[in-house]
């Protein structure tokens, strides 16, 4: 009986590790997202983006279905939330901010830097 209990505990621990690293995708109406380009291409470019958009979330439905709305064309379509990633704009003002994540060699921490666009233009 102890072997069965140990096997159950082992299964729980091995399942908990990958599940811990999975990020939940919770979308609300009005979020800006990028859907995955699922169209087949004959010669897809290696450096070509696999994401299309930006689109706005029009409605969130059950079973992880998201209805997307393209602001320029007005087209709407439904897609599974696994095929969508969210984008975040820092500022919608004239002076955009850029976020840089820099990892130092040999370290496991990231350094966060924000630079305003007008500062970048002055330095260039």
C-alpha atoms as a PDB file:
ATOM      1  CA  UNK A   1       0.000   0.000   0.000  1.00  0.00           C
ATOM      2  CA  UNK A   2       2.859   2.362   0.702  1.00  0.00           C
ATOM      3  CA  UNK A   3       4.108   1.986  -2.881  1.00  0.00           C
ATOM      4  CA  UNK A   4       0.754   3.206  -4.248  1.00  0.00           C
ATOM      5  CA  UNK A   5       0.831   6.212  -1.940  1.00  0.00           C
ATOM      6  CA  UNK A   6       4.402   7.059  -2.982  1.00  0.00           C
ATOM      7  CA  UNK A   7       3.458   6.762  -6.675  1.00  0.00           C
ATOM      8  CA  UNK A   8       0.507   9.125  -6.158  1.00  0.00           C
ATOM      9  CA  UNK A   9       2.701  11.690  -4.370  1.00  0.00           C
ATOM     10  CA  UNK A  10       5.324  11.431  -7.128  1.00  0.00           C
ATOM     11  CA  UNK A  11       2.679  12.038  -9.824  1.00  0.00           C
ATOM     12  CA  UNK A  12       1.355  15.099  -7.989  1.00  0.00           C
ATOM     13  CA  UNK A  13       4.841  16.605  -7.658  1.00  0.00           C
ATOM     14  CA  UNK A  14       5.808  15.972 -11.284  1.00  0.00           C
ATOM     15  CA  UNK A  15       2.520  17.485 -12.502  1.00  0.00           C
ATOM     16  CA  UNK A  16       2.844  20.548 -10.262  1.00  0.00           C
ATOM     17  CA  UNK A  17       6.191  21.612 -11.757  1.00  0.00           C
ATOM     18  CA  UNK A  18       5.061  22.196 -15.394  1.00  0.00           C
ATOM     19  CA  UNK A  19       1.694  23.552 -14.252  1.00  0.00           C
ATOM     20  CA  UNK A  20       3.487  26.140 -12.115  1.00  0.00           C
ATOM     21  CA  UNK A  21       5.169  27.667 -15.187  1.00  0.00           C
ATOM     22  CA  UNK A  22       1.992  27.993 -17.273  1.00  0.00           C
ATOM     23  CA  UNK A  23       0.704  31.566 -17.458  1.00  0.00           C
ATOM     24  CA  UNK A  24      -3.015  32.178 -17.545  1.00  0.00           C
ATOM     25  CA  UNK A  25      -4.359  34.349 -20.324  1.00  0.00           C
ATOM     26  CA  UNK A  26      -7.286  36.375 -19.074  1.00  0.00           C
ATOM     27  CA  UNK A  27      -8.599  38.853 -21.617  1.00  0.00           C
ATOM     28  CA  UNK A  28     -11.130  41.624 -21.076  1.00  0.00           C
ATOM     29  CA  UNK A  29     -13.118  43.582 -23.616  1.00  0.00           C
ATOM     30  CA  UNK A  30     -11.052  46.363 -25.162  1.00  0.00           C
ATOM     31  CA  UNK A  31      -7.648  44.667 -24.708  1.00  0.00           C
ATOM     32  CA  UNK A  32      -5.293  44.912 -27.673  1.00  0.00           C
ATOM     33  CA  UNK A  33      -4.003  41.536 -28.820  1.00  0.00           C
ATOM     34  CA  UNK A  34      -2.027  39.887 -31.615  1.00  0.00           C
ATOM     35  CA  UNK A  35      -3.547  36.734 -33.162  1.00  0.00           C
ATOM     36  CA  UNK A  36      -1.322  33.998 -34.573  1.00  0.00           C
ATOM     37  CA  UNK A  37      -1.031  33.968 -38.376  1.00  0.00           C
ATOM     38  CA  UNK A  38      -2.364  30.523 -39.227  1.00  0.00           C
ATOM     39  CA  UNK A  39      -2.357  31.003 -42.999  1.00  0.00           C
ATOM     40  CA  UNK A  40      -0.164  28.516 -44.833  1.00  0.00           C
ATOM     41  CA  UNK A  41       2.601  30.045 -46.907  1.00  0.00           C
ATOM     42  CA  UNK A  42       4.779  28.411 -49.524  1.00  0.00           C
ATOM     43  CA  UNK A  43       8.058  29.923 -48.320  1.00  0.00           C
ATOM     44  CA  UNK A  44       7.579  31.552 -44.924  1.00  0.00           C
ATOM     45  CA  UNK A  45      10.374  33.912 -44.005  1.00  0.00           C
ATOM     46  CA  UNK A  46      12.445  32.980 -41.014  1.00  0.00           C
ATOM     47  CA  UNK A  47      12.416  36.504 -39.639  1.00  0.00           C
ATOM     48  CA  UNK A  48       8.817  37.275 -40.589  1.00  0.00           C
ATOM     49  CA  UNK A  49       6.481  37.854 -37.676  1.00  0.00           C
ATOM     50  CA  UNK A  50       4.111  35.018 -36.841  1.00  0.00           C
ATOM     51  CA  UNK A  51       1.645  37.457 -35.278  1.00  0.00           C
ATOM     52  CA  UNK A  52      -0.941  39.625 -36.996  1.00  0.00           C
ATOM     53  CA  UNK A  53      -2.627  42.757 -35.773  1.00  0.00           C
ATOM     54  CA  UNK A  54      -3.189  44.613 -33.517  1.00  0.00           C
ATOM     55  CA  UNK A  55      -6.817  43.647 -32.887  1.00  0.00           C
ATOM     56  CA  UNK A  56      -9.176  44.565 -30.064  1.00  0.00           C
ATOM     57  CA  UNK A  57     -11.079  42.068 -27.957  1.00  0.00           C
ATOM     58  CA  UNK A  58     -14.768  42.584 -28.666  1.00  0.00           C
ATOM     59  CA  UNK A  59     -16.177  39.816 -26.486  1.00  0.00           C
ATOM     60  CA  UNK A  60     -14.871  37.006 -24.278  1.00  0.00           C
ATOM     61  CA  UNK A  61     -16.961  33.844 -24.579  1.00  0.00           C
ATOM     62  CA  UNK A  62     -16.947  30.543 -22.675  1.00  0.00           C
ATOM     63  CA  UNK A  63     -14.445  27.782 -23.418  1.00  0.00           C
ATOM     64  CA  UNK A  64     -11.607  30.280 -24.038  1.00  0.00           C
ATOM     65  CA  UNK A  65     -13.152  31.713 -27.191  1.00  0.00           C
ATOM     66  CA  UNK A  66     -12.294  35.350 -27.896  1.00  0.00           C
ATOM     67  CA  UNK A  67     -14.074  37.470 -30.496  1.00  0.00           C
ATOM     68  CA  UNK A  68     -11.641  39.922 -32.098  1.00  0.00           C
ATOM     69  CA  UNK A  69     -12.373  43.192 -33.869  1.00  0.00           C
ATOM     70  CA  UNK A  70     -10.030  44.879 -36.365  1.00  0.00           C
ATOM     71  CA  UNK A  71     -10.368  48.657 -35.809  1.00  0.00           C
ATOM     72  CA  UNK A  72      -9.410  49.692 -39.364  1.00  0.00           C
ATOM     73  CA  UNK A  73     -11.394  47.194 -41.442  1.00  0.00           C
ATOM     74  CA  UNK A  74     -14.220  46.542 -38.977  1.00  0.00           C
ATOM     75  CA  UNK A  75     -13.967  42.762 -39.453  1.00  0.00           C
ATOM     76  CA  UNK A  76     -14.740  40.467 -36.515  1.00  0.00           C
ATOM     77  CA  UNK A  77     -13.865  36.811 -36.045  1.00  0.00           C
ATOM     78  CA  UNK A  78     -13.628  34.238 -33.270  1.00  0.00           C
ATOM     79  CA  UNK A  79     -10.416  32.556 -32.204  1.00  0.00           C
ATOM     80  CA  UNK A  80      -9.235  30.383 -29.332  1.00  0.00           C
ATOM     81  CA  UNK A  81      -7.326  32.296 -26.658  1.00  0.00           C
ATOM     82  CA  UNK A  82      -4.343  29.942 -27.070  1.00  0.00           C
ATOM     83  CA  UNK A  83      -3.738  31.531 -30.488  1.00  0.00           C
ATOM     84  CA  UNK A  84      -3.699  35.086 -29.131  1.00  0.00           C
ATOM     85  CA  UNK A  85      -1.117  37.001 -27.138  1.00  0.00           C
ATOM     86  CA  UNK A  86      -1.674  40.297 -25.407  1.00  0.00           C
ATOM     87  CA  UNK A  87       0.318  43.419 -26.141  1.00  0.00           C
ATOM     88  CA  UNK A  88       0.902  46.249 -23.736  1.00  0.00           C
ATOM     89  CA  UNK A  89       1.462  49.842 -24.697  1.00  0.00           C
ATOM     90  CA  UNK A  90       3.189  51.918 -22.062  1.00  0.00           C
ATOM     91  CA  UNK A  91       1.810  55.263 -23.119  1.00  0.00           C
ATOM     92  CA  UNK A  92      -0.673  56.519 -25.696  1.00  0.00           C
ATOM     93  CA  UNK A  93       0.759  60.017 -25.552  1.00  0.00           C
ATOM     94  CA  UNK A  94       2.962  61.780 -28.056  1.00  0.00           C
ATOM     95  CA  UNK A  95       6.148  60.850 -26.187  1.00  0.00           C
ATOM     96  CA  UNK A  96       6.181  57.056 -26.324  1.00  0.00           C
ATOM     97  CA  UNK A  97       8.210  55.125 -23.799  1.00  0.00           C
ATOM     98  CA  UNK A  98      10.213  52.046 -24.666  1.00  0.00           C
ATOM     99  CA  UNK A  99      10.941  49.278 -22.197  1.00  0.00           C
ATOM    100  CA  UNK A 100      14.235  47.454 -22.470  1.00  0.00           C
ATOM    101  CA  UNK A 101      14.983  44.254 -20.602  1.00  0.00           C
ATOM    102  CA  UNK A 102      18.686  43.590 -20.363  1.00  0.00           C
ATOM    103  CA  UNK A 103      20.256  40.468 -18.892  1.00  0.00           C
ATOM    104  CA  UNK A 104      23.814  40.698 -17.657  1.00  0.00           C
ATOM    105  CA  UNK A 105      26.105  37.789 -18.577  1.00  0.00           C
ATOM    106  CA  UNK A 106      26.437  35.291 -15.754  1.00  0.00           C
ATOM    107  CA  UNK A 107      23.456  36.650 -13.830  1.00  0.00           C
ATOM    108  CA  UNK A 108      19.913  35.401 -13.607  1.00  0.00           C
ATOM    109  CA  UNK A 109      18.256  38.772 -13.088  1.00  0.00           C
ATOM    110  CA  UNK A 110      16.880  41.245 -15.606  1.00  0.00           C
ATOM    111  CA  UNK A 111      17.428  44.988 -15.517  1.00  0.00           C
ATOM    112  CA  UNK A 112      14.464  47.125 -16.523  1.00  0.00           C
ATOM    113  CA  UNK A 113      15.115  50.411 -18.318  1.00  0.00           C
ATOM    114  CA  UNK A 114      12.542  52.872 -19.623  1.00  0.00           C
ATOM    115  CA  UNK A 115      13.571  55.508 -22.130  1.00  0.00           C
ATOM    116  CA  UNK A 116      11.374  58.237 -23.543  1.00  0.00           C
ATOM    117  CA  UNK A 117      11.362  58.723 -27.292  1.00  0.00           C
ATOM    118  CA  UNK A 118      12.437  62.368 -27.161  1.00  0.00           C
ATOM    119  CA  UNK A 119      15.490  61.380 -25.075  1.00  0.00           C
ATOM    120  CA  UNK A 120      16.448  58.772 -27.680  1.00  0.00           C
ATOM    121  CA  UNK A 121      16.218  61.315 -30.511  1.00  0.00           C
ATOM    122  CA  UNK A 122      18.420  63.796 -28.655  1.00  0.00           C
ATOM    123  CA  UNK A 123      21.126  61.186 -28.034  1.00  0.00           C
ATOM    124  CA  UNK A 124      21.209  59.943 -31.650  1.00  0.00           C
END
